[in-house]
């Protein structure tokens, strides 16, 4: 009995050490998994947490960034892409509608425009893809990730049953339905497009674009709408323009869209066009890169941004166009979807 009693403290100590080792092993195996899950939950909660907006307005921008595949040697994408990113980040728009953004271009911008998400999203960015699929994704919408939650997206050709012999003459669009996490704005239906040059095709594409928007409005009746892009037709081309703004809906529930340009403020004797051939020299009297808004949103007069490098290099062959929008009246907070 004396010998057994002498060994009891040693046995108890060994048991205690064993228990501590077992607990340590369990902590090492279970702990990290629990930490990962906890981190994921925190990120998810943070992403859906209401944000406090710095301003009561949103900065909306449209820019045709010019297909990299069509660039002349002096205007290669690799020579101007950093300048474009620098200009975009300096202006810090809340929503950007881009045209002619090929998959490699979108991949570069997605990597360098920190804080932005984009649609269309998914696999294939930066990789070669069939021409038809590639063109269907050239209208890209970037939006501030912390400010907006993406509710719905869609993209594709505007006239899939009337494809043109030249694939580059087909008009495409991208639509994103965004919820404002700051609850200042109603749901926003954002549409980005690039109409093509021939009038009959452009007019039919504009009419179809109007139908796409009105259909979405039937699903989200109280939503605000932003339609933007390189329309390749100015206000003077009334057939195309009337379809763009939905003239025949003037007395409908949502009415016509409003052009954000104040044409009465156009400087006299100056070409006010937004296509400037990479050299800052417009060739058209009126802008063709346009931003339209619904009547439940107020847009400040659109500004043509003529930013370039000190050496005179422009980031693209179009000027950037920007407007600021505010809601015209208070609205009920959009439900989470």
Protein backbone atom coordinates (compact mmCIF):
# COMPACT_ATOMS: atom_id res chain seq x y z
CA UNK A 1 0.00 0.00 0.00
CA UNK A 2 2.84 2.40 0.78
CA UNK A 3 4.43 1.73 -2.63
CA UNK A 4 1.08 2.19 -4.43
CA UNK A 5 0.42 5.47 -2.62
CA UNK A 6 3.89 6.65 -3.61
CA UNK A 7 3.03 6.17 -7.33
CA UNK A 8 -0.41 7.82 -7.21
CA UNK A 9 0.85 11.44 -7.74
CA UNK A 10 2.96 10.30 -10.69
CA UNK A 11 0.01 8.47 -12.26
CA UNK A 12 -2.28 11.46 -11.69
CA UNK A 13 0.28 13.80 -13.25
CA UNK A 14 0.62 11.57 -16.30
CA UNK A 15 -3.16 11.50 -16.70
CA UNK A 16 -3.30 15.29 -16.48
CA UNK A 17 -0.58 15.69 -19.12
CA UNK A 18 -2.42 13.23 -21.39
CA UNK A 19 -5.66 15.16 -21.01
CA UNK A 20 -3.90 18.43 -21.84
CA UNK A 21 -2.30 16.90 -24.94
CA UNK A 22 -5.67 15.55 -26.09
CA UNK A 23 -7.27 18.95 -25.62
CA UNK A 24 -4.46 20.58 -27.59
CA UNK A 25 -4.90 18.15 -30.47
CA UNK A 26 -8.65 18.76 -30.54
CA UNK A 27 -8.07 22.52 -30.52
CA UNK A 28 -5.63 22.29 -33.43
CA UNK A 29 -8.00 20.20 -35.54
CA UNK A 30 -11.34 21.75 -34.67
CA UNK A 31 -10.18 25.26 -33.97
CA UNK A 32 -9.15 26.38 -37.49
CA UNK A 33 -12.34 24.97 -39.05
CA UNK A 34 -14.41 26.87 -36.55
CA UNK A 35 -12.33 29.98 -37.25
CA UNK A 36 -12.88 29.66 -41.01
CA UNK A 37 -16.61 29.22 -40.54
CA UNK A 38 -16.69 32.17 -38.16
CA UNK A 39 -14.72 34.32 -40.62
CA UNK A 40 -17.05 33.36 -43.48
CA UNK A 41 -20.07 34.22 -41.37
CA UNK A 42 -18.53 37.57 -40.45
CA UNK A 43 -17.77 38.37 -44.11
CA UNK A 44 -21.29 37.42 -45.13
CA UNK A 45 -22.78 39.55 -42.37
CA UNK A 46 -20.48 42.46 -43.22
CA UNK A 47 -21.42 42.27 -46.91
CA UNK A 48 -25.11 42.52 -46.12
CA UNK A 49 -24.78 45.12 -43.36
CA UNK A 50 -26.30 48.51 -44.20
CA UNK A 51 -23.67 51.08 -45.07
CA UNK A 52 -23.52 54.77 -44.31
CA UNK A 53 -23.23 56.65 -47.59
CA UNK A 54 -20.70 59.47 -47.87
CA UNK A 55 -23.09 61.36 -50.17
CA UNK A 56 -26.78 61.37 -50.94
CA UNK A 57 -25.98 61.19 -54.65
CA UNK A 58 -24.48 58.53 -56.90
CA UNK A 59 -21.85 59.17 -59.54
CA UNK A 60 -22.72 57.38 -62.78
CA UNK A 61 -20.23 57.07 -65.61
CA UNK A 62 -20.24 55.65 -69.12
CA UNK A 63 -17.10 54.97 -71.14
CA UNK A 64 -16.28 53.13 -74.34
CA UNK A 65 -12.81 51.76 -73.58
CA UNK A 66 -12.09 50.65 -77.20
CA UNK A 67 -11.54 47.02 -78.17
CA UNK A 68 -7.95 46.03 -77.57
CA UNK A 69 -8.00 43.84 -80.69
CA UNK A 70 -8.77 46.81 -82.93
CA UNK A 71 -6.20 49.21 -81.53
CA UNK A 72 -3.59 50.79 -83.78
CA UNK A 73 -0.02 50.21 -82.49
CA UNK A 74 0.16 53.70 -80.98
CA UNK A 75 -2.96 53.04 -78.90
CA UNK A 76 -2.37 49.49 -77.70
CA UNK A 77 -4.31 48.51 -74.58
CA UNK A 78 -1.16 47.82 -72.59
CA UNK A 79 -0.04 51.42 -73.20
CA UNK A 80 -3.23 53.03 -71.90
CA UNK A 81 -4.82 50.64 -69.42
CA UNK A 82 -2.98 51.96 -66.35
CA UNK A 83 -4.02 55.51 -67.27
CA UNK A 84 -7.65 54.42 -67.57
CA UNK A 85 -7.57 52.78 -64.14
CA UNK A 86 -5.94 55.87 -62.62
CA UNK A 87 -8.64 58.14 -64.07
CA UNK A 88 -11.49 55.88 -63.01
CA UNK A 89 -10.19 55.58 -59.45
CA UNK A 90 -9.68 59.33 -59.25
CA UNK A 91 -13.28 60.04 -60.20
CA UNK A 92 -14.51 57.06 -58.13
CA UNK A 93 -17.91 56.56 -59.81
CA UNK A 94 -20.41 54.40 -57.96
CA UNK A 95 -21.53 52.70 -61.19
CA UNK A 96 -19.66 52.46 -64.48
CA UNK A 97 -21.13 51.31 -67.78
CA UNK A 98 -18.35 50.13 -70.12
CA UNK A 99 -18.53 49.28 -73.78
CA UNK A 100 -16.07 47.33 -75.96
CA UNK A 101 -14.53 45.65 -72.93
CA UNK A 102 -13.13 42.35 -74.16
CA UNK A 103 -12.55 39.47 -71.75
CA UNK A 104 -8.82 40.26 -71.22
CA UNK A 105 -9.62 43.94 -70.72
CA UNK A 106 -12.36 43.17 -68.20
CA UNK A 107 -10.02 40.79 -66.36
CA UNK A 108 -7.37 43.52 -66.07
CA UNK A 109 -9.88 46.11 -64.86
CA UNK A 110 -11.45 43.67 -62.38
CA UNK A 111 -8.01 43.07 -60.89
CA UNK A 112 -7.12 46.77 -60.60
CA UNK A 113 -10.40 48.49 -59.80
CA UNK A 114 -10.32 47.64 -56.12
CA UNK A 115 -13.65 47.70 -54.35
CA UNK A 116 -15.69 47.08 -57.50
CA UNK A 117 -17.66 44.05 -58.60
CA UNK A 118 -18.86 43.62 -62.18
CA UNK A 119 -21.38 41.92 -64.44
CA UNK A 120 -21.36 39.84 -66.51
CA UNK A 121 -19.26 37.79 -64.13
CA UNK A 122 -18.10 34.21 -64.22
CA UNK A 123 -15.52 31.99 -65.85
CA UNK A 124 -13.70 32.86 -69.03
CA UNK A 125 -12.30 36.28 -68.21
CA UNK A 126 -8.84 36.66 -69.63
CA UNK A 127 -9.24 33.56 -71.85
CA UNK A 128 -9.95 33.33 -75.59
CA UNK A 129 -13.59 32.61 -76.39
CA UNK A 130 -15.77 32.29 -79.50
CA UNK A 131 -16.56 35.64 -81.13
CA UNK A 132 -20.31 35.45 -80.47
CA UNK A 133 -19.85 34.68 -76.78
CA UNK A 134 -17.12 37.28 -76.43
CA UNK A 135 -19.23 40.02 -78.00
CA UNK A 136 -22.17 39.17 -75.74
CA UNK A 137 -20.03 40.17 -72.74
CA UNK A 138 -18.48 43.41 -74.01
CA UNK A 139 -20.95 45.62 -72.16
CA UNK A 140 -19.69 45.46 -68.60
CA UNK A 141 -21.18 47.15 -65.55
CA UNK A 142 -18.83 47.84 -62.63
CA UNK A 143 -20.35 48.87 -59.30
CA UNK A 144 -19.08 49.64 -55.82
CA UNK A 145 -19.24 46.32 -53.97
CA UNK A 146 -19.79 47.77 -50.51
CA UNK A 147 -22.57 50.08 -51.67
CA UNK A 148 -24.67 47.69 -53.73
CA UNK A 149 -26.03 44.17 -53.57
CA UNK A 150 -26.62 42.48 -56.92
CA UNK A 151 -30.19 41.20 -57.17
CA UNK A 152 -30.35 40.12 -60.81
CA UNK A 153 -28.25 40.24 -63.96
CA UNK A 154 -28.72 39.36 -67.61
CA UNK A 155 -26.91 40.03 -70.87
CA UNK A 156 -26.95 39.08 -74.52
CA UNK A 157 -27.82 40.28 -78.03
CA UNK A 158 -30.72 42.68 -78.36
CA UNK A 159 -31.96 41.08 -81.59
CA UNK A 160 -31.02 37.38 -81.40
CA UNK A 161 -33.42 36.51 -84.24
CA UNK A 162 -32.00 39.17 -86.53
CA UNK A 163 -28.25 38.71 -86.31
CA UNK A 164 -26.23 40.80 -88.74
CA UNK A 165 -23.84 39.29 -91.33
CA UNK A 166 -21.03 41.23 -89.65
CA UNK A 167 -21.03 40.03 -86.00
CA UNK A 168 -19.61 43.36 -84.82
CA UNK A 169 -22.76 45.09 -86.08
CA UNK A 170 -24.97 43.23 -83.58
CA UNK A 171 -26.04 45.26 -80.56
CA UNK A 172 -25.66 43.75 -77.09
CA UNK A 173 -26.67 44.81 -73.61
CA UNK A 174 -26.01 44.02 -69.98
CA UNK A 175 -28.52 44.65 -67.19
CA UNK A 176 -27.94 44.64 -63.45
CA UNK A 177 -30.58 45.16 -60.77
CA UNK A 178 -28.86 46.66 -57.74
CA UNK A 179 -30.03 47.20 -54.17
CA UNK A 180 -28.60 50.22 -52.36
CA UNK A 181 -27.23 49.03 -49.02
CA UNK A 182 -27.49 52.61 -47.72
CA UNK A 183 -31.27 52.51 -48.44
CA UNK A 184 -31.18 55.98 -50.01
CA UNK A 185 -32.17 54.85 -53.50
CA UNK A 186 -34.86 52.47 -54.69
CA UNK A 187 -33.85 49.36 -56.56
CA UNK A 188 -31.84 50.45 -59.59
CA UNK A 189 -32.21 48.82 -62.99
CA UNK A 190 -28.91 49.61 -64.71
CA UNK A 191 -28.61 48.92 -68.44
CA UNK A 192 -25.43 49.28 -70.48
CA UNK A 193 -25.40 48.98 -74.27
CA UNK A 194 -23.71 49.95 -77.50
CA UNK A 195 -25.94 50.51 -80.50
CA UNK A 196 -24.46 50.01 -83.93
CA UNK A 197 -24.09 52.30 -86.90
CA UNK A 198 -26.83 51.41 -89.40
CA UNK A 199 -30.03 53.30 -88.66
CA UNK A 200 -32.64 50.53 -89.20
CA UNK A 201 -30.71 48.06 -87.02
CA UNK A 202 -29.95 50.72 -84.38
CA UNK A 203 -33.60 51.82 -84.23
CA UNK A 204 -34.83 48.23 -83.88
CA UNK A 205 -32.19 47.55 -81.19
CA UNK A 206 -33.20 50.70 -79.29
CA UNK A 207 -36.84 49.62 -79.43
CA UNK A 208 -35.92 46.20 -78.09
CA UNK A 209 -33.83 47.78 -75.33
CA UNK A 210 -36.87 49.80 -74.28
CA UNK A 211 -38.92 46.58 -74.14
CA UNK A 212 -36.30 44.90 -71.94
CA UNK A 213 -36.43 47.82 -69.50
CA UNK A 214 -40.25 47.98 -69.42
CA UNK A 215 -40.42 44.25 -68.78
CA UNK A 216 -38.10 44.62 -65.79
CA UNK A 217 -40.25 47.48 -64.53
CA UNK A 218 -43.22 45.13 -64.48
CA UNK A 219 -41.24 43.04 -61.98
CA UNK A 220 -39.87 46.00 -59.98
CA UNK A 221 -42.44 48.76 -60.45
CA UNK A 222 -40.82 51.20 -58.03
CA UNK A 223 -37.30 50.81 -59.37
CA UNK A 224 -35.24 53.64 -60.77
CA UNK A 225 -33.65 53.15 -64.17
CA UNK A 226 -30.29 54.12 -65.62
CA UNK A 227 -29.68 53.40 -69.30
CA UNK A 228 -26.29 54.33 -70.71
CA UNK A 229 -23.74 53.56 -73.33
CA UNK A 230 -22.21 54.43 -76.66
CA UNK A 231 -25.33 54.92 -78.73
CA UNK A 232 -23.46 55.82 -81.95
CA UNK A 233 -26.38 58.16 -82.67
CA UNK A 234 -26.96 61.62 -81.26
CA UNK A 235 -30.17 63.35 -80.27
CA UNK A 236 -30.66 64.58 -83.84
CA UNK A 237 -31.24 61.00 -85.03
CA UNK A 238 -34.81 61.11 -83.79
CA UNK A 239 -35.86 57.62 -84.91
CA UNK A 240 -33.21 55.96 -82.72
CA UNK A 241 -33.38 58.56 -79.96
CA UNK A 242 -37.18 58.34 -79.54
CA UNK A 243 -36.95 54.59 -79.00
CA UNK A 244 -34.13 55.06 -76.51
CA UNK A 245 -36.12 57.41 -74.30
CA UNK A 246 -39.43 55.60 -74.86
CA UNK A 247 -41.30 58.56 -76.36
CA UNK A 248 -44.50 56.56 -76.85
CA UNK A 249 -44.54 55.86 -73.09
CA UNK A 250 -44.79 59.58 -72.28
CA UNK A 251 -48.15 59.15 -70.54
CA UNK A 252 -47.43 55.72 -69.06
CA UNK A 253 -46.76 54.88 -65.44
CA UNK A 254 -42.99 55.28 -65.82
CA UNK A 255 -43.00 57.83 -68.63
CA UNK A 256 -40.04 58.63 -70.83
CA UNK A 257 -36.42 58.46 -69.82
CA UNK A 258 -34.58 61.74 -69.38
CA UNK A 259 -31.34 62.57 -71.14
CA UNK A 260 -28.78 63.84 -68.62
CA UNK A 261 -27.18 66.25 -71.12
CA UNK A 262 -28.25 69.89 -70.98
CA UNK A 263 -28.18 70.73 -74.68
CA UNK A 264 -29.00 74.37 -74.04
CA UNK A 265 -25.62 74.69 -72.33
CA UNK A 266 -23.67 73.48 -75.37
CA UNK A 267 -20.86 75.93 -76.18
CA UNK A 268 -21.41 77.68 -79.48
CA UNK A 269 -19.05 76.93 -82.32
CA UNK A 270 -17.55 73.93 -80.54
CA UNK A 271 -17.86 70.28 -81.49
CA UNK A 272 -19.47 68.67 -78.46
CA UNK A 273 -19.08 65.09 -79.58
CA UNK A 274 -17.68 62.41 -77.29
CA UNK A 275 -15.85 60.31 -79.88
CA UNK A 276 -12.42 61.91 -80.16
CA UNK A 277 -10.22 59.36 -81.98
CA UNK A 278 -7.63 59.02 -79.14
CA UNK A 279 -6.38 62.53 -79.88
CA UNK A 280 -8.92 64.79 -78.18
CA UNK A 281 -10.50 65.98 -81.43
CA UNK A 282 -14.25 65.31 -81.69
CA UNK A 283 -15.73 65.01 -85.16
CA UNK A 284 -19.46 65.06 -84.27
CA UNK A 285 -21.46 68.06 -83.11
CA UNK A 286 -23.36 66.34 -80.30
CA UNK A 287 -22.51 63.61 -77.78
CA UNK A 288 -23.25 59.99 -78.59
CA UNK A 289 -22.12 58.55 -75.24
CA UNK A 290 -25.30 59.12 -73.27
CA UNK A 291 -26.83 58.51 -69.84
CA UNK A 292 -30.60 58.39 -69.42
CA UNK A 293 -32.50 58.17 -66.14
CA UNK A 294 -36.08 57.48 -65.08
CA UNK A 295 -38.26 60.27 -63.80
CA UNK A 296 -38.01 59.14 -60.16
CA UNK A 297 -34.31 60.07 -60.30
CA UNK A 298 -32.80 63.51 -60.72
CA UNK A 299 -29.62 63.73 -62.80
CA UNK A 300 -27.24 66.66 -62.77
CA UNK A 301 -26.19 67.89 -66.23
CA UNK A 302 -23.83 65.35 -67.71
CA UNK A 303 -20.16 66.32 -67.75
CA UNK A 304 -17.74 65.37 -70.53
CA UNK A 305 -14.46 64.33 -68.89
CA UNK A 306 -11.46 65.12 -71.08
CA UNK A 307 -8.84 63.58 -68.78
CA UNK A 308 -5.51 62.65 -70.34
CA UNK A 309 -1.89 62.19 -69.35
CA UNK A 310 0.57 65.13 -69.15
CA UNK A 311 2.00 63.96 -72.48
CA UNK A 312 -1.42 64.20 -74.12
CA UNK A 313 -2.25 60.49 -74.18
CA UNK A 314 -5.94 59.60 -73.80
CA UNK A 315 -7.08 56.35 -72.14
CA UNK A 316 -9.54 55.60 -74.94
CA UNK A 317 -10.97 57.05 -78.16
CA UNK A 318 -14.10 58.32 -76.39
CA UNK A 319 -14.41 60.93 -73.68
CA UNK A 320 -15.79 59.66 -70.39
CA UNK A 321 -19.24 60.99 -69.48
CA UNK A 322 -20.45 61.39 -65.89
CA UNK A 323 -23.58 62.52 -64.10
CA UNK A 324 -24.74 62.55 -60.49
CA UNK A 325 -28.14 61.25 -59.55
CA UNK A 326 -30.34 61.69 -56.50
CA UNK A 327 -33.74 60.16 -55.71
CA UNK A 328 -36.61 62.58 -56.24
CA UNK A 329 -38.56 61.32 -53.24
CA UNK A 330 -38.16 59.05 -50.26
CA UNK A 331 -38.97 55.44 -50.83
CA UNK A 332 -39.59 52.34 -48.81
CA UNK A 333 -36.41 50.40 -48.20
CA UNK A 334 -35.99 47.70 -50.84
CA UNK A 335 -36.50 44.22 -49.41
CA UNK A 336 -33.52 41.88 -49.26
CA UNK A 337 -33.67 39.29 -51.99
